[in-house]
PDB file of all heavy atoms in Angstrom:
ATOM      1  N   SER A   1     102.127  -1.068 107.216  1.00  0.00           N
ATOM      2  CA  SER A   1     101.916  -0.566 105.857  1.00  0.00           C
ATOM      3  C   SER A   1     100.705   0.358 105.804  1.00  0.00           C
ATOM      4  O   SER A   1     100.742   1.423 105.179  1.00  0.00           O
ATOM      5  CB  SER A   1     101.729  -1.745 104.894  1.00  0.00           C
ATOM      6  OG  SER A   1     101.402  -1.292 103.596  1.00  0.00           O
ATOM      7  N   ALA A   2      99.629  -0.039 106.473  1.00  0.00           N
ATOM      8  CA  ALA A   2      98.435   0.811 106.501  1.00  0.00           C
ATOM      9  C   ALA A   2      98.695   2.097 107.269  1.00  0.00           C
ATOM     10  O   ALA A   2      98.112   3.148 106.960  1.00  0.00           O
ATOM     11  CB  ALA A   2      97.267   0.048 107.120  1.00  0.00           C
ATOM     12  N   ALA A   3      99.585   2.046 108.275  1.00  0.00           N
ATOM     13  CA  ALA A   3      99.898   3.248 109.048  1.00  0.00           C
ATOM     14  C   ALA A   3     100.554   4.318 108.173  1.00  0.00           C
ATOM     15  O   ALA A   3     100.433   5.518 108.458  1.00  0.00           O
ATOM     16  CB  ALA A   3     100.806   2.892 110.227  1.00  0.00           C
ATOM     17  N   ILE A   4     101.246   3.912 107.110  1.00  0.00           N
ATOM     18  CA  ILE A   4     101.831   4.891 106.179  1.00  0.00           C
ATOM     19  C   ILE A   4     100.721   5.695 105.515  1.00  0.00           C
ATOM     20  O   ILE A   4     100.810   6.922 105.372  1.00  0.00           O
ATOM     21  CB  ILE A   4     102.697   4.176 105.124  1.00  0.00           C
ATOM     22  CG1 ILE A   4     103.846   3.430 105.789  1.00  0.00           C
ATOM     23  CG2 ILE A   4     103.240   5.177 104.109  1.00  0.00           C
ATOM     24  CD1 ILE A   4     104.665   2.587 104.827  1.00  0.00           C
ATOM     25  N   GLY A   5      99.655   5.021 105.091  1.00  0.00           N
ATOM     26  CA  GLY A   5      98.532   5.719 104.477  1.00  0.00           C
ATOM     27  C   GLY A   5      97.847   6.672 105.427  1.00  0.00           C
ATOM     28  O   GLY A   5      97.412   7.760 105.034  1.00  0.00           O
ATOM     29  N   VAL A   6      97.751   6.282 106.713  1.00  0.00           N
ATOM     30  CA  VAL A   6      97.150   7.177 107.711  1.00  0.00           C
ATOM     31  C   VAL A   6      97.965   8.454 107.829  1.00  0.00           C
ATOM     32  O   VAL A   6      97.423   9.569 107.862  1.00  0.00           O
ATOM     33  CB  VAL A   6      97.056   6.462 109.073  1.00  0.00           C
ATOM     34  CG1 VAL A   6      96.545   7.429 110.147  1.00  0.00           C
ATOM     35  CG2 VAL A   6      96.124   5.251 108.978  1.00  0.00           C
ATOM     36  N   ALA A   7      99.294   8.308 107.880  1.00  0.00           N
ATOM     37  CA  ALA A   7     100.161   9.479 107.994  1.00  0.00           C
ATOM     38  C   ALA A   7     100.152  10.310 106.717  1.00  0.00           C
ATOM     39  O   ALA A   7     100.180  11.546 106.764  1.00  0.00           O
ATOM     40  CB  ALA A   7     101.585   9.040 108.333  1.00  0.00           C
ATOM     41  N   ALA A   8     100.102   9.656 105.557  1.00  0.00           N
ATOM     42  CA  ALA A   8     100.108  10.382 104.282  1.00  0.00           C
ATOM     43  C   ALA A   8      98.859  11.232 104.116  1.00  0.00           C
ATOM     44  O   ALA A   8      98.898  12.307 103.502  1.00  0.00           O
ATOM     45  CB  ALA A   8     100.248   9.403 103.118  1.00  0.00           C
ATOM     46  N   ALA A   9      97.736  10.774 104.652  1.00  0.00           N
ATOM     47  CA  ALA A   9      96.491  11.536 104.537  1.00  0.00           C
ATOM     48  C   ALA A   9      96.574  12.878 105.244  1.00  0.00           C
ATOM     49  O   ALA A   9      95.865  13.826 104.880  1.00  0.00           O
ATOM     50  CB  ALA A   9      95.329  10.713 105.089  1.00  0.00           C
ATOM     51  N   ASP A  10      97.443  12.988 106.229  1.00  0.00           N
ATOM     52  CA  ASP A  10      97.585  14.260 106.946  1.00  0.00           C
ATOM     53  C   ASP A  10      98.251  15.337 106.091  1.00  0.00           C
ATOM     54  O   ASP A  10      98.226  16.515 106.460  1.00  0.00           O
ATOM     55  CB  ASP A  10      98.388  14.054 108.226  1.00  0.00           C
ATOM     56  CG  ASP A  10      97.600  13.294 109.283  1.00  0.00           C
ATOM     57  OD1 ASP A  10      96.353  13.346 109.235  1.00  0.00           O
ATOM     58  OD2 ASP A  10      98.218  12.644 110.144  1.00  0.00           O
ATOM     59  N   LEU A  11      98.857  14.956 104.964  1.00  0.00           N
ATOM     60  CA  LEU A  11      99.463  15.936 104.064  1.00  0.00           C
ATOM     61  C   LEU A  11      98.414  16.706 103.266  1.00  0.00           C
ATOM     62  O   LEU A  11      98.718  17.749 102.686  1.00  0.00           O
ATOM     63  CB  LEU A  11     100.415  15.241 103.082  1.00  0.00           C
ATOM     64  CG  LEU A  11     101.655  14.556 103.686  1.00  0.00           C
ATOM     65  CD1 LEU A  11     102.348  13.714 102.626  1.00  0.00           C
ATOM     66  CD2 LEU A  11     102.613  15.606 104.245  1.00  0.00           C
ATOM     67  N   LEU A  12      97.203  16.192 103.256  1.00  0.00           N
ATOM     68  CA  LEU A  12      96.148  16.725 102.395  1.00  0.00           C
ATOM     69  C   LEU A  12      95.088  17.443 103.223  1.00  0.00           C
ATOM     70  O   LEU A  12      95.032  17.305 104.447  1.00  0.00           O
ATOM     71  CB  LEU A  12      95.522  15.573 101.605  1.00  0.00           C
ATOM     72  CG  LEU A  12      96.503  14.822 100.700  1.00  0.00           C
ATOM     73  CD1 LEU A  12      95.912  13.500 100.261  1.00  0.00           C
ATOM     74  CD2 LEU A  12      96.875  15.672  99.491  1.00  0.00           C
ATOM     75  N   PRO A  13      94.218  18.212 102.571  1.00  0.00           N
ATOM     76  CA  PRO A  13      93.154  18.909 103.305  1.00  0.00           C
ATOM     77  C   PRO A  13      92.198  17.934 103.993  1.00  0.00           C
ATOM     78  O   PRO A  13      91.937  16.847 103.481  1.00  0.00           O
ATOM     79  CB  PRO A  13      92.440  19.716 102.216  1.00  0.00           C
ATOM     80  CG  PRO A  13      93.401  19.793 101.086  1.00  0.00           C
ATOM     81  CD  PRO A  13      94.206  18.544 101.130  1.00  0.00           C
ATOM     82  N   HIS A  14      91.692  18.350 105.124  1.00  0.00           N
ATOM     83  CA  HIS A  14      90.709  17.556 105.856  1.00  0.00           C
ATOM     84  C   HIS A  14      89.334  18.193 105.659  1.00  0.00           C
ATOM     85  O   HIS A  14      89.112  19.343 106.040  1.00  0.00           O
ATOM     86  CB  HIS A  14      91.051  17.529 107.346  1.00  0.00           C
ATOM     87  CG  HIS A  14      92.398  16.946 107.644  1.00  0.00           C
ATOM     88  ND1 HIS A  14      92.629  15.597 107.730  1.00  0.00           N
ATOM     89  CD2 HIS A  14      93.598  17.543 107.863  1.00  0.00           C
ATOM     90  CE1 HIS A  14      93.906  15.384 108.002  1.00  0.00           C
ATOM     91  NE2 HIS A  14      94.514  16.560 108.077  1.00  0.00           N
ATOM     92  N   PHE A  15      88.436  17.460 105.051  1.00  0.00           N
ATOM     93  CA  PHE A  15      87.089  17.959 104.759  1.00  0.00           C
ATOM     94  C   PHE A  15      86.126  17.468 105.827  1.00  0.00           C
ATOM     95  O   PHE A  15      86.158  16.305 106.234  1.00  0.00           O
ATOM     96  CB  PHE A  15      86.633  17.500 103.379  1.00  0.00           C
ATOM     97  CG  PHE A  15      87.489  18.031 102.276  1.00  0.00           C
ATOM     98  CD1 PHE A  15      88.523  17.275 101.765  1.00  0.00           C
ATOM     99  CD2 PHE A  15      87.270  19.302 101.767  1.00  0.00           C
ATOM    100  CE1 PHE A  15      89.329  17.765 100.758  1.00  0.00           C
ATOM    101  CE2 PHE A  15      88.071  19.801 100.755  1.00  0.00           C
ATOM    102  CZ  PHE A  15      89.105  19.033 100.252  1.00  0.00           C
ATOM    103  N   SER A  16      85.272  18.366 106.268  1.00  0.00           N
ATOM    104  CA  SER A  16      84.372  18.022 107.354  1.00  0.00           C
ATOM    105  C   SER A  16      83.034  18.723 107.175  1.00  0.00           C
ATOM    106  O   SER A  16      82.906  19.696 106.416  1.00  0.00           O
ATOM    107  CB  SER A  16      84.979  18.415 108.707  1.00  0.00           C
ATOM    108  OG  SER A  16      85.196  19.813 108.763  1.00  0.00           O
ATOM    109  N   ILE A  17      82.064  18.214 107.875  1.00  0.00           N
ATOM    110  CA  ILE A  17      80.728  18.810 107.940  1.00  0.00           C
ATOM    111  C   ILE A  17      80.349  18.922 109.411  1.00  0.00           C
ATOM    112  O   ILE A  17      80.403  17.938 110.151  1.00  0.00           O
ATOM    113  CB  ILE A  17      79.691  17.955 107.191  1.00  0.00           C
ATOM    114  CG1 ILE A  17      80.052  17.815 105.712  1.00  0.00           C
ATOM    115  CG2 ILE A  17      78.301  18.550 107.341  1.00  0.00           C
ATOM    116  CD1 ILE A  17      79.119  16.897 104.952  1.00  0.00           C
ATOM    117  N   ALA A  18      79.984  20.114 109.816  1.00  0.00           N
ATOM    118  CA  ALA A  18      79.512  20.348 111.176  1.00  0.00           C
ATOM    119  C   ALA A  18      78.123  20.970 111.096  1.00  0.00           C
ATOM    120  O   ALA A  18      77.818  21.733 110.170  1.00  0.00           O
ATOM    121  CB  ALA A  18      80.466  21.266 111.936  1.00  0.00           C
ATOM    122  N   GLY A  19      77.315  20.656 112.032  1.00  0.00           N
ATOM    123  CA  GLY A  19      75.968  21.226 112.022  1.00  0.00           C
ATOM    124  C   GLY A  19      75.194  20.830 113.253  1.00  0.00           C
ATOM    125  O   GLY A  19      75.639  20.022 114.065  1.00  0.00           O
ATOM    126  N   ASN A  20      74.052  21.454 113.387  1.00  0.00           N
ATOM    127  CA  ASN A  20      73.172  21.089 114.476  1.00  0.00           C
ATOM    128  C   ASN A  20      71.741  21.359 114.052  1.00  0.00           C
ATOM    129  O   ASN A  20      71.460  22.150 113.145  1.00  0.00           O
ATOM    130  CB  ASN A  20      73.519  21.850 115.755  1.00  0.00           C
ATOM    131  CG  ASN A  20      73.260  23.341 115.638  1.00  0.00           C
ATOM    132  OD1 ASN A  20      72.107  23.775 115.635  1.00  0.00           O
ATOM    133  ND2 ASN A  20      74.330  24.139 115.536  1.00  0.00           N
ATOM    134  N   ILE A  21      70.845  20.708 114.703  1.00  0.00           N
ATOM    135  CA  ILE A  21      69.417  20.902 114.501  1.00  0.00           C
ATOM    136  C   ILE A  21      68.777  20.976 115.880  1.00  0.00           C
ATOM    137  O   ILE A  21      69.157  20.224 116.778  1.00  0.00           O
ATOM    138  CB  ILE A  21      68.806  19.767 113.646  1.00  0.00           C
ATOM    139  CG1 ILE A  21      67.336  20.066 113.346  1.00  0.00           C
ATOM    140  CG2 ILE A  21      68.973  18.411 114.310  1.00  0.00           C
ATOM    141  CD1 ILE A  21      66.729  19.108 112.327  1.00  0.00           C
ATOM    142  N   SER A  22      67.863  21.920 116.042  1.00  0.00           N
ATOM    143  CA  SER A  22      67.315  22.131 117.379  1.00  0.00           C
ATOM    144  C   SER A  22      65.889  22.634 117.299  1.00  0.00           C
ATOM    145  O   SER A  22      65.401  23.056 116.230  1.00  0.00           O
ATOM    146  CB  SER A  22      68.179  23.138 118.155  1.00  0.00           C
ATOM    147  OG  SER A  22      68.172  24.404 117.513  1.00  0.00           O
ATOM    148  N   LEU A  23      65.238  22.610 118.435  1.00  0.00           N
ATOM    149  CA  LEU A  23      63.911  23.185 118.624  1.00  0.00           C
ATOM    150  C   LEU A  23      64.054  24.300 119.652  1.00  0.00           C
ATOM    151  O   LEU A  23      64.597  24.096 120.737  1.00  0.00           O
ATOM    152  CB  LEU A  23      62.925  22.123 119.110  1.00  0.00           C
ATOM    153  CG  LEU A  23      62.665  20.944 118.162  1.00  0.00           C
ATOM    154  CD1 LEU A  23      61.825  19.887 118.846  1.00  0.00           C
ATOM    155  CD2 LEU A  23      61.971  21.429 116.877  1.00  0.00           C
ATOM    156  N   GLN A  24      63.557  25.511 119.290  1.00  0.00           N
ATOM    157  CA  GLN A  24      63.696  26.663 120.166  1.00  0.00           C
ATOM    158  C   GLN A  24      62.345  27.360 120.296  1.00  0.00           C
ATOM    159  O   GLN A  24      61.639  27.567 119.303  1.00  0.00           O
ATOM    160  CB  GLN A  24      64.727  27.645 119.600  1.00  0.00           C
ATOM    161  CG  GLN A  24      66.108  27.047 119.392  1.00  0.00           C
ATOM    162  CD  GLN A  24      67.086  28.020 118.787  1.00  0.00           C
ATOM    163  OE1 GLN A  24      66.798  29.225 118.706  1.00  0.00           O
ATOM    164  NE2 GLN A  24      68.244  27.513 118.362  1.00  0.00           N
ATOM    165  N   ALA A  25      62.001  27.730 121.519  1.00  0.00           N
ATOM    166  CA  ALA A  25      60.721  28.422 121.758  1.00  0.00           C
ATOM    167  C   ALA A  25      60.820  29.196 123.060  1.00  0.00           C
ATOM    168  O   ALA A  25      61.619  28.862 123.949  1.00  0.00           O
ATOM    169  CB  ALA A  25      59.574  27.421 121.817  1.00  0.00           C
TER     170      ALA A  25
END
């Protein structure tokens, strides 16, 4: 039953955040 919800979520947009933080010199 829960696997149905996992598959249904793929019908919708996937929101994500990507980023990095670094020290450069």
